[in-house]
Amino acid sequence: MDFNEANLIVKYSHKISELAKIASANNNIETEMYEKYDVKRGLRDKNGKGVLCGLTEISEVTSWEESDGKRIPIPGVLCYRGYNVKDLVKTCVEENRFGFEETVYLLLFGKLPDKKELNSFYEMLSEFRVLPRNFVRDVIMKSPSKDMMNMLAKCVLNLYSYDPDPDNVSLTNVLRQSLQLIAQLPMLSAYSYRAYRYYNTNDGSLVIHKPINEYSTAQNILHILRKDNSFTDLEAKVLDVCLTLHADHGGGNASTFTTHLATSTGTDTYSSMAASLGSLKGPKHGGANIKVMQMFENIKENVKNRSEKNVYDYIRKILNKKAFDRTGLVYGIGHAVYTVSDPRAEVLKIYAGKLAEEKGLLDEFELYNNVAKAASELICEQKKLDKPVNPNVDFYSGFVYTMLNLPEALYTPLFAIARIAGWSAHRMEELVSGGRIIRPAYACVIDRREYIPIDKR
């Protein structure tokens, strides 16, 4: 921001504040109006069930089953193309290989690859990781943003200019663009972070590592971000599990629905992905694990003796709006869709424990488990619930990223690095099966008025 721009902001700050009050007063729709028109706010009914507005074959989120006309909560299940994500993770770990690339292939093409197909896919992604000539210098190094999600959106939109056929929405061209973006997003994230650190912190070093073709996505992320390029096999495998678990989550989550919405208009791939990045950036969607980490820092500062009783007492204070941010929320507990359990959290908890053991942080891991237990019991007690409230994936993901020494600024970009696989699959599904622009209705509830000439107002 230059001097003149800063002066303009100061000059008009009071006026804008006054105008904001007017805007607020004239944009307030009473809750009763939503009930009168039977509007499903947030496209969800009173029980939190999403309004059915599309069909997908890509992934399924299940948290209940029907029996005698009643909805019965069950442990959560997440399936990619019909395959349980727990089985995908379990098999890849047992076979001592990385699973994210296989997951990407499955989401995009609807089938599990054989060895030859997977090796060919690995090779293609490795080739596509290379950014356009001078892109780092001309785009990333200029005007680095303090927010990496904004930088990612900027980079993705700029890639449009380097594409020889950017507006072609044929399936072949969109697939090519999607594969390039899936491969390049880790580089864009890491290099954007390095540029920000160089220009805006006391870290005067600027380290830019090139990806290694033989490495998986998870390995390359750690290789590129660490100055000494070193990492353990467990670190890379746990990060790979994180990417696999975040690769998709049904068609109704905010960022994926944004993909369907933008794609339905016929827009280009880069605009569609930038829109999805904007949705994911929101703290109600992609930034939740950061709030979890902030909450735990607060707990550690205020609960010196971490006995079970003291943890319970402090969680009760948080729920009663007397501690932390005084919202009454225990972040990372509960989910809008899952009821009994979040399968991603169940898997990630196992690998968080393994990594904590390697890092000598089992006491920290125990604190997470104690907070989860206390929060679940106290929330059920407070809200008189007859079903448990359990951790969601955000509860453990921030802890895992911290143990991997990944910067907080990259927590949401890591989500994007994984989820762009799902966005790409949903974009292609919308192009093949959608056919109509997504255009829901809004009822206008203001009375019609006669225009008043300016001299008579």
Protein backbone atom coordinates (compact mmCIF):
# COMPACT_ATOMS: atom_id res chain seq x y z
CA MET A 1 0.00 0.00 0.00
CA ASP A 2 1.51 3.36 -1.01
CA PHE A 3 1.32 6.63 0.92
CA ASN A 4 -1.57 8.14 -1.10
CA GLU A 5 -3.68 5.02 -0.76
CA ALA A 6 -3.12 4.94 2.99
CA ASN A 7 -4.13 8.60 3.24
CA LEU A 8 -7.34 7.95 1.31
CA ILE A 9 -8.27 5.14 3.68
CA VAL A 10 -7.72 7.40 6.70
CA LYS A 11 -9.57 10.29 5.03
CA TYR A 12 -12.72 8.30 4.35
CA SER A 13 -12.69 5.90 7.32
CA HIS A 14 -15.28 7.87 9.33
CA LYS A 15 -17.56 8.33 6.32
CA ILE A 16 -17.37 4.67 5.42
CA SER A 17 -18.15 3.75 9.02
CA GLU A 18 -21.31 5.86 8.87
CA LEU A 19 -22.32 4.35 5.53
CA ALA A 20 -21.77 0.88 6.95
CA LYS A 21 -24.35 1.62 9.67
CA ILE A 22 -26.87 2.61 7.00
CA ALA A 23 -26.10 -0.55 5.02
CA SER A 24 -26.51 -2.69 8.13
CA ALA A 25 -29.88 -1.14 8.98
CA ASN A 26 -31.18 -1.78 5.47
CA ASN A 27 -29.97 -5.34 5.07
CA ASN A 28 -31.41 -6.97 8.18
CA ILE A 29 -33.97 -9.68 7.39
CA GLU A 30 -35.74 -10.94 10.51
CA THR A 31 -35.53 -14.63 11.39
CA GLU A 32 -39.33 -14.96 11.31
CA MET A 33 -39.31 -14.13 7.60
CA TYR A 34 -37.19 -17.19 6.87
CA GLU A 35 -39.67 -19.31 8.78
CA LYS A 36 -42.62 -17.70 6.98
CA TYR A 37 -41.22 -18.55 3.56
CA ASP A 38 -39.89 -21.95 4.70
CA VAL A 39 -36.36 -21.07 3.67
CA LYS A 40 -33.69 -23.65 4.50
CA ARG A 41 -31.01 -21.29 5.76
CA GLY A 42 -27.57 -22.51 4.79
CA LEU A 43 -29.37 -25.04 2.55
CA ARG A 44 -29.99 -27.12 5.67
CA ASP A 45 -33.19 -28.03 7.51
CA LYS A 46 -33.75 -27.54 11.24
CA ASN A 47 -32.04 -30.84 11.98
CA GLY A 48 -28.94 -29.85 10.03
CA LYS A 49 -29.67 -32.17 7.09
CA GLY A 50 -28.54 -30.69 3.78
CA VAL A 51 -31.07 -29.85 1.08
CA LEU A 52 -30.65 -32.30 -1.81
CA CYS A 53 -29.60 -30.20 -4.81
CA GLY A 54 -27.42 -32.54 -6.84
CA LEU A 55 -26.16 -36.06 -7.47
CA THR A 56 -22.58 -37.35 -7.41
CA GLU A 57 -20.67 -40.59 -7.83
CA ILE A 58 -17.42 -39.17 -6.45
CA SER A 59 -17.72 -39.46 -2.68
CA GLU A 60 -20.27 -40.25 -0.01
CA VAL A 61 -20.58 -39.01 3.55
CA THR A 62 -22.83 -41.19 5.73
CA SER A 63 -23.74 -40.65 9.37
CA TRP A 64 -27.16 -42.29 9.74
CA GLU A 65 -29.33 -45.09 8.41
CA GLU A 66 -33.08 -45.47 7.96
CA SER A 67 -34.99 -48.03 10.05
CA ASP A 68 -38.80 -48.16 10.26
CA GLY A 69 -38.97 -44.62 8.92
CA LYS A 70 -36.58 -43.29 11.56
CA ARG A 71 -33.10 -41.84 11.16
CA ILE A 72 -30.67 -43.72 13.39
CA PRO A 73 -27.19 -42.20 13.98
CA ILE A 74 -24.31 -44.52 13.09
CA PRO A 75 -20.49 -44.18 13.12
CA GLY A 76 -19.50 -41.94 10.21
CA VAL A 77 -18.40 -43.43 6.90
CA LEU A 78 -16.53 -41.62 4.12
CA CYS A 79 -16.26 -43.37 0.76
CA TYR A 80 -14.39 -42.33 -2.37
CA ARG A 81 -16.05 -43.79 -5.48
CA GLY A 82 -17.65 -46.41 -3.22
CA TYR A 83 -14.43 -47.41 -1.41
CA ASN A 84 -14.19 -46.79 2.33
CA VAL A 85 -11.42 -44.25 2.95
CA LYS A 86 -10.31 -46.26 5.99
CA ASP A 87 -9.57 -49.20 3.70
CA LEU A 88 -7.61 -46.98 1.29
CA VAL A 89 -5.40 -45.67 4.10
CA LYS A 90 -5.02 -49.05 5.81
CA THR A 91 -3.99 -50.88 2.64
CA CYS A 92 -1.45 -48.27 1.53
CA VAL A 93 0.14 -48.20 4.99
CA GLU A 94 0.29 -52.00 5.15
CA GLU A 95 1.92 -52.10 1.71
CA ASN A 96 4.36 -49.36 2.79
CA ARG A 97 3.51 -46.95 0.01
CA PHE A 98 1.98 -43.52 -0.38
CA GLY A 99 -1.75 -43.32 -1.01
CA PHE A 100 -2.60 -39.76 -2.02
CA GLU A 101 -1.72 -40.15 -5.70
CA GLU A 102 -3.81 -43.34 -5.89
CA THR A 103 -6.66 -41.44 -4.26
CA VAL A 104 -6.37 -38.64 -6.84
CA TYR A 105 -6.51 -41.22 -9.64
CA LEU A 106 -9.55 -42.88 -8.06
CA LEU A 107 -11.43 -39.59 -7.63
CA LEU A 108 -10.71 -38.41 -11.17
CA PHE A 109 -11.27 -41.62 -13.09
CA GLY A 110 -13.64 -43.64 -10.90
CA LYS A 111 -11.45 -46.75 -10.68
CA LEU A 112 -8.47 -48.00 -8.74
CA PRO A 113 -5.31 -47.98 -10.86
CA ASP A 114 -3.19 -51.06 -11.42
CA LYS A 115 0.58 -50.81 -10.90
CA LYS A 116 1.30 -49.75 -14.47
CA GLU A 117 -1.42 -47.09 -14.46
CA LEU A 118 -0.33 -45.74 -11.07
CA ASN A 119 3.36 -45.55 -12.08
CA SER A 120 2.42 -43.72 -15.28
CA PHE A 121 0.22 -41.34 -13.26
CA TYR A 122 3.08 -40.66 -10.81
CA GLU A 123 5.37 -39.83 -13.74
CA MET A 124 2.84 -37.44 -15.29
CA LEU A 125 2.24 -35.57 -12.01
CA SER A 126 6.01 -35.30 -11.51
CA GLU A 127 6.42 -33.71 -14.93
CA PHE A 128 3.52 -31.32 -14.31
CA ARG A 129 5.03 -30.01 -11.04
CA VAL A 130 7.31 -27.68 -12.99
CA LEU A 131 5.98 -24.11 -12.95
CA PRO A 132 6.08 -21.90 -16.06
CA ARG A 133 9.39 -20.18 -16.79
CA ASN A 134 9.99 -17.15 -14.51
CA PHE A 135 6.61 -17.67 -12.74
CA VAL A 136 8.22 -17.60 -9.30
CA ARG A 137 10.03 -14.35 -10.07
CA ASP A 138 7.25 -12.57 -11.97
CA VAL A 139 4.20 -13.65 -9.95
CA ILE A 140 5.09 -15.13 -6.58
CA MET A 141 7.95 -12.79 -5.66
CA LYS A 142 5.94 -9.69 -6.55
CA SER A 143 3.42 -8.40 -3.99
CA PRO A 144 3.51 -11.44 -1.68
CA SER A 145 0.44 -11.60 0.54
CA LYS A 146 0.42 -12.31 4.26
CA ASP A 147 -2.42 -14.75 3.61
CA MET A 148 -1.35 -17.82 1.67
CA MET A 149 -4.87 -18.62 0.44
CA ASN A 150 -5.06 -15.24 -1.28
CA MET A 151 -1.64 -15.89 -2.77
CA LEU A 152 -2.81 -19.28 -4.03
CA ALA A 153 -5.86 -17.73 -5.68
CA LYS A 154 -3.65 -15.05 -7.25
CA CYS A 155 -1.21 -17.66 -8.56
CA VAL A 156 -3.97 -19.88 -9.94
CA LEU A 157 -5.57 -16.95 -11.77
CA ASN A 158 -2.19 -15.91 -13.16
CA LEU A 159 -1.63 -19.40 -14.55
CA TYR A 160 -4.50 -18.64 -16.93
CA SER A 161 -2.14 -16.27 -18.77
CA TYR A 162 0.43 -19.02 -19.27
CA ASP A 163 -2.08 -21.56 -20.62
CA PRO A 164 -2.13 -21.94 -24.44
CA ASP A 165 -5.84 -22.89 -24.37
CA PRO A 166 -7.29 -21.49 -21.12
CA ASP A 167 -11.00 -21.15 -21.99
CA ASN A 168 -11.50 -24.53 -23.61
CA VAL A 169 -13.90 -26.47 -21.37
CA SER A 170 -13.71 -29.77 -23.23
CA LEU A 171 -13.16 -32.68 -20.84
CA THR A 172 -9.72 -33.40 -22.30
CA ASN A 173 -8.52 -29.84 -21.78
CA VAL A 174 -10.05 -29.48 -18.32
CA LEU A 175 -8.43 -32.76 -17.25
CA ARG A 176 -5.04 -31.51 -18.46
CA GLN A 177 -5.49 -28.24 -16.56
CA SER A 178 -6.66 -30.07 -13.44
CA LEU A 179 -3.67 -32.41 -13.42
CA GLN A 180 -1.30 -29.47 -13.75
CA LEU A 181 -2.97 -27.61 -10.87
CA ILE A 182 -3.02 -30.72 -8.65
CA ALA A 183 0.72 -31.11 -9.26
CA GLN A 184 1.59 -27.42 -8.95
CA LEU A 185 -0.41 -26.37 -5.88
CA PRO A 186 2.20 -27.68 -3.39
CA MET A 187 4.88 -25.63 -5.17
CA LEU A 188 2.72 -22.53 -5.30
CA SER A 189 1.98 -22.85 -1.58
CA ALA A 190 5.56 -23.44 -0.45
CA TYR A 191 7.11 -20.77 -2.67
CA SER A 192 4.45 -18.22 -1.67
CA TYR A 193 5.22 -18.88 1.97
CA ARG A 194 8.95 -18.48 1.40
CA ALA A 195 8.39 -15.17 -0.42
CA TYR A 196 6.21 -13.89 2.42
CA ARG A 197 8.79 -14.91 5.03
CA TYR A 198 11.57 -13.22 3.08
CA TYR A 199 9.80 -9.88 2.67
CA ASN A 200 7.72 -9.61 5.85
CA THR A 201 9.63 -11.25 8.71
CA ASN A 202 13.09 -11.19 10.23
CA ASP A 203 13.96 -14.37 8.34
CA GLY A 204 16.32 -12.92 5.76
CA SER A 205 16.91 -16.17 3.91
CA LEU A 206 15.12 -17.11 0.71
CA VAL A 207 15.28 -20.85 0.12
CA ILE A 208 13.64 -22.22 -3.03
CA HIS A 209 14.02 -25.98 -3.50
CA LYS A 210 13.00 -27.75 -6.68
CA PRO A 211 10.74 -30.83 -6.41
CA ILE A 212 12.20 -34.30 -6.85
CA ASN A 213 10.50 -36.42 -9.51
CA GLU A 214 10.79 -39.65 -7.54
CA TYR A 215 9.10 -38.19 -4.46
CA SER A 216 5.39 -38.39 -3.65
CA THR A 217 3.35 -35.24 -3.06
CA ALA A 218 3.80 -35.55 0.71
CA GLN A 219 7.56 -36.09 0.42
CA ASN A 220 7.96 -33.11 -1.89
CA ILE A 221 6.02 -30.82 0.45
CA LEU A 222 8.42 -31.61 3.32
CA HIS A 223 11.44 -31.52 1.00
CA ILE A 224 10.54 -28.09 -0.40
CA LEU A 225 9.61 -26.47 2.91
CA ARG A 226 12.56 -27.61 5.02
CA LYS A 227 15.84 -25.82 4.61
CA ASP A 228 17.84 -29.03 5.04
CA ASN A 229 15.37 -31.08 2.90
CA SER A 230 15.32 -33.85 5.54
CA PHE A 231 12.32 -35.76 6.90
CA THR A 232 11.57 -39.19 8.32
CA ASP A 233 9.55 -41.83 6.54
CA LEU A 234 6.86 -41.65 9.25
CA GLU A 235 6.56 -37.88 8.82
CA ALA A 236 5.97 -38.24 5.08
CA LYS A 237 3.55 -41.15 5.55
CA VAL A 238 1.47 -39.27 8.15
CA LEU A 239 1.29 -36.19 5.90
CA ASP A 240 0.22 -38.50 3.06
CA VAL A 241 -2.59 -39.83 5.27
CA CYS A 242 -3.70 -36.23 5.96
CA LEU A 243 -3.84 -35.47 2.24
CA THR A 244 -5.78 -38.65 1.53
CA LEU A 245 -8.35 -37.89 4.24
CA HIS A 246 -8.89 -34.33 2.97
CA ALA A 247 -9.08 -35.14 -0.75
CA ASP A 248 -12.87 -34.97 -0.95
CA HIS A 249 -15.94 -34.85 1.26
CA GLY A 250 -19.11 -35.11 -0.80
CA GLY A 251 -20.53 -32.51 -3.16
CA GLY A 252 -22.25 -30.34 -0.58
CA ASN A 253 -19.38 -28.80 1.38
CA ALA A 254 -18.96 -25.09 0.67
CA SER A 255 -15.85 -25.16 -1.53
CA THR A 256 -16.94 -28.19 -3.59
CA PHE A 257 -20.42 -26.74 -4.08
CA THR A 258 -18.66 -23.58 -5.26
CA THR A 259 -16.83 -25.71 -7.82
CA HIS A 260 -20.14 -27.08 -9.12
CA LEU A 261 -21.70 -23.61 -9.12
CA ALA A 262 -18.84 -21.89 -10.96
CA THR A 263 -18.43 -24.78 -13.41
CA SER A 264 -22.13 -24.70 -14.28
CA THR A 265 -21.69 -21.17 -15.66
CA GLY A 266 -19.19 -22.39 -18.26
CA THR A 267 -16.26 -20.49 -16.75
CA ASP A 268 -12.63 -21.57 -17.16
CA THR A 269 -10.82 -23.97 -14.84
CA TYR A 270 -8.63 -21.30 -13.24
CA SER A 271 -11.60 -19.08 -12.32
CA SER A 272 -13.48 -22.08 -10.95
CA MET A 273 -10.56 -23.19 -8.77
CA ALA A 274 -9.90 -19.64 -7.54
CA ALA A 275 -13.55 -19.40 -6.47
CA SER A 276 -13.25 -22.68 -4.57
CA LEU A 277 -10.07 -21.45 -2.88
CA GLY A 278 -11.99 -18.38 -1.74
CA SER A 279 -14.68 -20.58 -0.19
CA LEU A 280 -12.14 -22.81 1.54
CA LYS A 281 -10.34 -19.81 3.02
CA GLY A 282 -13.32 -19.01 5.25
CA PRO A 283 -12.70 -19.88 8.91
CA LYS A 284 -16.03 -21.74 9.06
CA HIS A 285 -14.70 -24.14 6.44
CA GLY A 286 -10.96 -24.54 5.88
CA GLY A 287 -9.50 -22.60 8.79
CA ALA A 288 -11.05 -24.53 11.67
CA ASN A 289 -7.87 -26.36 12.74
CA ILE A 290 -6.16 -23.02 13.38
CA LYS A 291 -8.83 -22.21 15.99
CA VAL A 292 -8.20 -25.62 17.54
CA MET A 293 -4.49 -24.84 17.85
CA GLN A 294 -5.19 -21.43 19.37
CA MET A 295 -7.56 -23.04 21.86
CA PHE A 296 -4.94 -25.58 22.93
CA GLU A 297 -2.34 -22.87 23.41
CA ASN A 298 -4.81 -21.15 25.70
CA ILE A 299 -5.49 -24.39 27.60
CA LYS A 300 -1.77 -25.04 28.10
CA GLU A 301 -1.25 -21.51 29.39
CA ASN A 302 -4.06 -21.76 31.93
CA VAL A 303 -3.98 -25.42 33.00
CA LYS A 304 -0.50 -25.97 34.40
CA ASN A 305 -1.45 -29.16 36.23
CA ARG A 306 -3.10 -31.21 33.49
CA SER A 307 -4.96 -33.62 35.73
CA GLU A 308 -8.25 -34.92 34.39
CA LYS A 309 -10.20 -32.81 36.90
CA ASN A 310 -8.39 -29.60 35.98
CA VAL A 311 -8.92 -30.24 32.27
CA TYR A 312 -12.63 -30.85 32.89
CA ASP A 313 -12.92 -27.68 34.95
CA TYR A 314 -11.31 -25.54 32.25
CA ILE A 315 -13.37 -27.03 29.42
CA ARG A 316 -16.45 -26.25 31.50
CA LYS A 317 -15.26 -22.62 31.70
CA ILE A 318 -14.86 -22.52 27.90
CA LEU A 319 -18.36 -23.91 27.42
CA ASN A 320 -19.74 -21.36 29.88
CA LYS A 321 -18.09 -18.52 27.92
CA LYS A 322 -15.70 -17.72 30.76
CA ALA A 323 -12.46 -18.75 29.06
CA PHE A 324 -10.57 -18.68 25.74
CA ASP A 325 -12.54 -16.59 23.17
CA ARG A 326 -15.76 -16.66 25.23
CA THR A 327 -17.90 -18.01 22.40
CA GLY A 328 -18.83 -21.13 24.35
CA LEU A 329 -17.35 -23.32 21.61
CA VAL A 330 -14.86 -26.15 21.98
CA TYR A 331 -13.28 -26.11 18.55
CA GLY A 332 -12.77 -29.38 16.72
CA ILE A 333 -15.60 -31.13 18.56
CA GLY A 334 -18.73 -32.13 16.64
CA HIS A 335 -19.52 -31.93 12.94
CA ALA A 336 -22.37 -30.60 10.79
CA VAL A 337 -22.84 -34.00 9.11
CA TYR A 338 -21.27 -36.70 11.27
CA THR A 339 -23.11 -37.61 14.45
CA VAL A 340 -21.53 -40.57 16.23
CA SER A 341 -18.02 -40.16 14.83
CA ASP A 342 -15.91 -38.58 12.08
CA PRO A 343 -14.04 -41.43 10.34
CA ARG A 344 -11.25 -39.06 9.29
CA ALA A 345 -10.64 -38.10 12.92
CA GLU A 346 -10.57 -41.76 13.95
CA VAL A 347 -7.86 -42.49 11.38
CA LEU A 348 -5.86 -39.35 12.04
CA LYS A 349 -5.91 -39.95 15.79
CA ILE A 350 -4.01 -43.22 15.25
CA TYR A 351 -1.28 -41.59 13.20
CA ALA A 352 -1.11 -38.54 15.43
CA GLY A 353 -0.30 -40.97 18.25
CA LYS A 354 2.44 -42.66 16.20
CA LEU A 355 4.00 -39.32 15.31
CA ALA A 356 3.72 -38.08 18.90
CA GLU A 357 5.65 -41.15 20.03
CA GLU A 358 8.41 -40.50 17.48
CA LYS A 359 8.59 -36.84 18.51
CA GLY A 360 8.47 -37.47 22.26
CA LEU A 361 5.13 -35.66 22.56
CA LEU A 362 2.94 -38.34 24.08
CA ASP A 363 2.05 -36.02 26.99
CA GLU A 364 0.70 -33.53 24.47
CA PHE A 365 -1.24 -36.27 22.71
CA GLU A 366 -2.73 -37.34 26.04
CA LEU A 367 -3.90 -33.74 26.60
CA TYR A 368 -5.75 -33.85 23.27
CA ASN A 369 -7.46 -37.08 24.24
CA ASN A 370 -8.41 -35.72 27.67
CA VAL A 371 -9.86 -32.54 26.15
CA ALA A 372 -11.84 -34.62 23.64
CA LYS A 373 -13.26 -36.79 26.42
CA ALA A 374 -14.09 -33.84 28.65
CA ALA A 375 -15.68 -31.82 25.85
CA SER A 376 -17.81 -34.73 24.67
CA GLU A 377 -19.19 -35.47 28.12
CA LEU A 378 -19.70 -31.84 29.12
CA ILE A 379 -21.40 -30.84 25.85
CA CYS A 380 -23.79 -33.80 26.14
CA GLU A 381 -24.48 -32.83 29.75
CA GLN A 382 -24.99 -29.15 28.94
CA LYS A 383 -27.22 -29.69 25.88
CA LYS A 384 -28.93 -32.80 27.27
CA LEU A 385 -27.95 -34.86 24.22
CA ASP A 386 -28.62 -38.58 24.03
CA LYS A 387 -25.79 -39.23 21.55
CA PRO A 388 -22.06 -38.56 21.89
CA VAL A 389 -20.27 -35.55 20.44
CA ASN A 390 -16.85 -36.52 19.12
CA PRO A 391 -13.78 -34.87 17.59
CA ASN A 392 -13.78 -34.01 13.91
CA VAL A 393 -10.73 -34.16 11.64
CA ASP A 394 -9.71 -30.56 12.49
CA PHE A 395 -9.20 -31.56 16.12
CA TYR A 396 -6.09 -33.58 15.26
CA SER A 397 -4.89 -32.14 11.93
CA GLY A 398 -3.42 -28.96 13.41
CA PHE A 399 -1.57 -31.01 16.04
CA VAL A 400 -0.16 -33.24 13.28
CA TYR A 401 0.97 -30.22 11.24
CA THR A 402 2.63 -28.74 14.32
CA MET A 403 4.55 -31.98 14.95
CA LEU A 404 5.62 -31.88 11.29
CA ASN A 405 6.93 -28.35 11.92
CA LEU A 406 4.69 -26.94 9.22
CA PRO A 407 3.86 -23.22 9.56
CA GLU A 408 0.36 -22.26 10.63
CA ALA A 409 0.05 -20.05 7.55
CA LEU A 410 0.04 -23.21 5.42
CA TYR A 411 -2.61 -25.18 7.34
CA THR A 412 -5.46 -24.15 5.03
CA PRO A 413 -3.31 -24.33 1.86
CA LEU A 414 -2.51 -27.94 2.83
CA PHE A 415 -6.26 -28.54 2.88
CA ALA A 416 -6.44 -27.01 -0.61
CA ILE A 417 -3.53 -29.12 -1.88
CA ALA A 418 -5.57 -32.21 -0.99
CA ARG A 419 -9.06 -30.95 -1.83
CA ILE A 420 -8.21 -29.72 -5.34
CA ALA A 421 -8.29 -33.41 -6.30
CA GLY A 422 -11.95 -33.55 -5.30
CA TRP A 423 -12.72 -30.17 -6.87
CA SER A 424 -11.24 -31.38 -10.16
CA ALA A 425 -13.32 -34.55 -10.09
CA HIS A 426 -16.50 -32.61 -9.29
CA ARG A 427 -15.74 -30.06 -12.02
CA MET A 428 -15.51 -32.82 -14.62
CA GLU A 429 -18.67 -34.46 -13.27
CA GLU A 430 -20.54 -31.16 -13.56
CA LEU A 431 -19.31 -30.67 -17.13
CA VAL A 432 -20.38 -34.18 -18.15
CA SER A 433 -23.61 -34.57 -16.17
CA GLY A 434 -24.72 -31.10 -15.05
CA GLY A 435 -25.93 -29.35 -18.16
CA ARG A 436 -27.76 -26.44 -16.51
CA ILE A 437 -26.52 -23.35 -14.75
CA ILE A 438 -27.11 -23.66 -10.99
CA ARG A 439 -29.64 -20.98 -10.19
CA PRO A 440 -31.48 -21.34 -6.84
CA ALA A 441 -34.26 -18.89 -5.98
CA TYR A 442 -34.31 -16.05 -3.44
CA ALA A 443 -37.65 -14.49 -2.48
CA CYS A 444 -37.59 -10.68 -2.34
CA VAL A 445 -39.45 -9.60 0.80
CA ILE A 446 -39.31 -5.80 0.60
CA ASP A 447 -42.43 -3.80 -0.33
CA ARG A 448 -42.41 -2.03 -3.68
CA ARG A 449 -41.96 1.74 -3.45
CA GLU A 450 -42.48 4.76 -5.66
CA TYR A 451 -39.31 6.51 -6.79
CA ILE A 452 -38.83 9.90 -5.06
CA PRO A 453 -37.17 12.73 -7.00
CA ILE A 454 -33.97 13.88 -5.34
CA ASP A 455 -35.36 17.36 -4.40
CA LYS A 456 -38.20 15.75 -2.42
CA ARG A 457 -36.19 13.26 -0.33
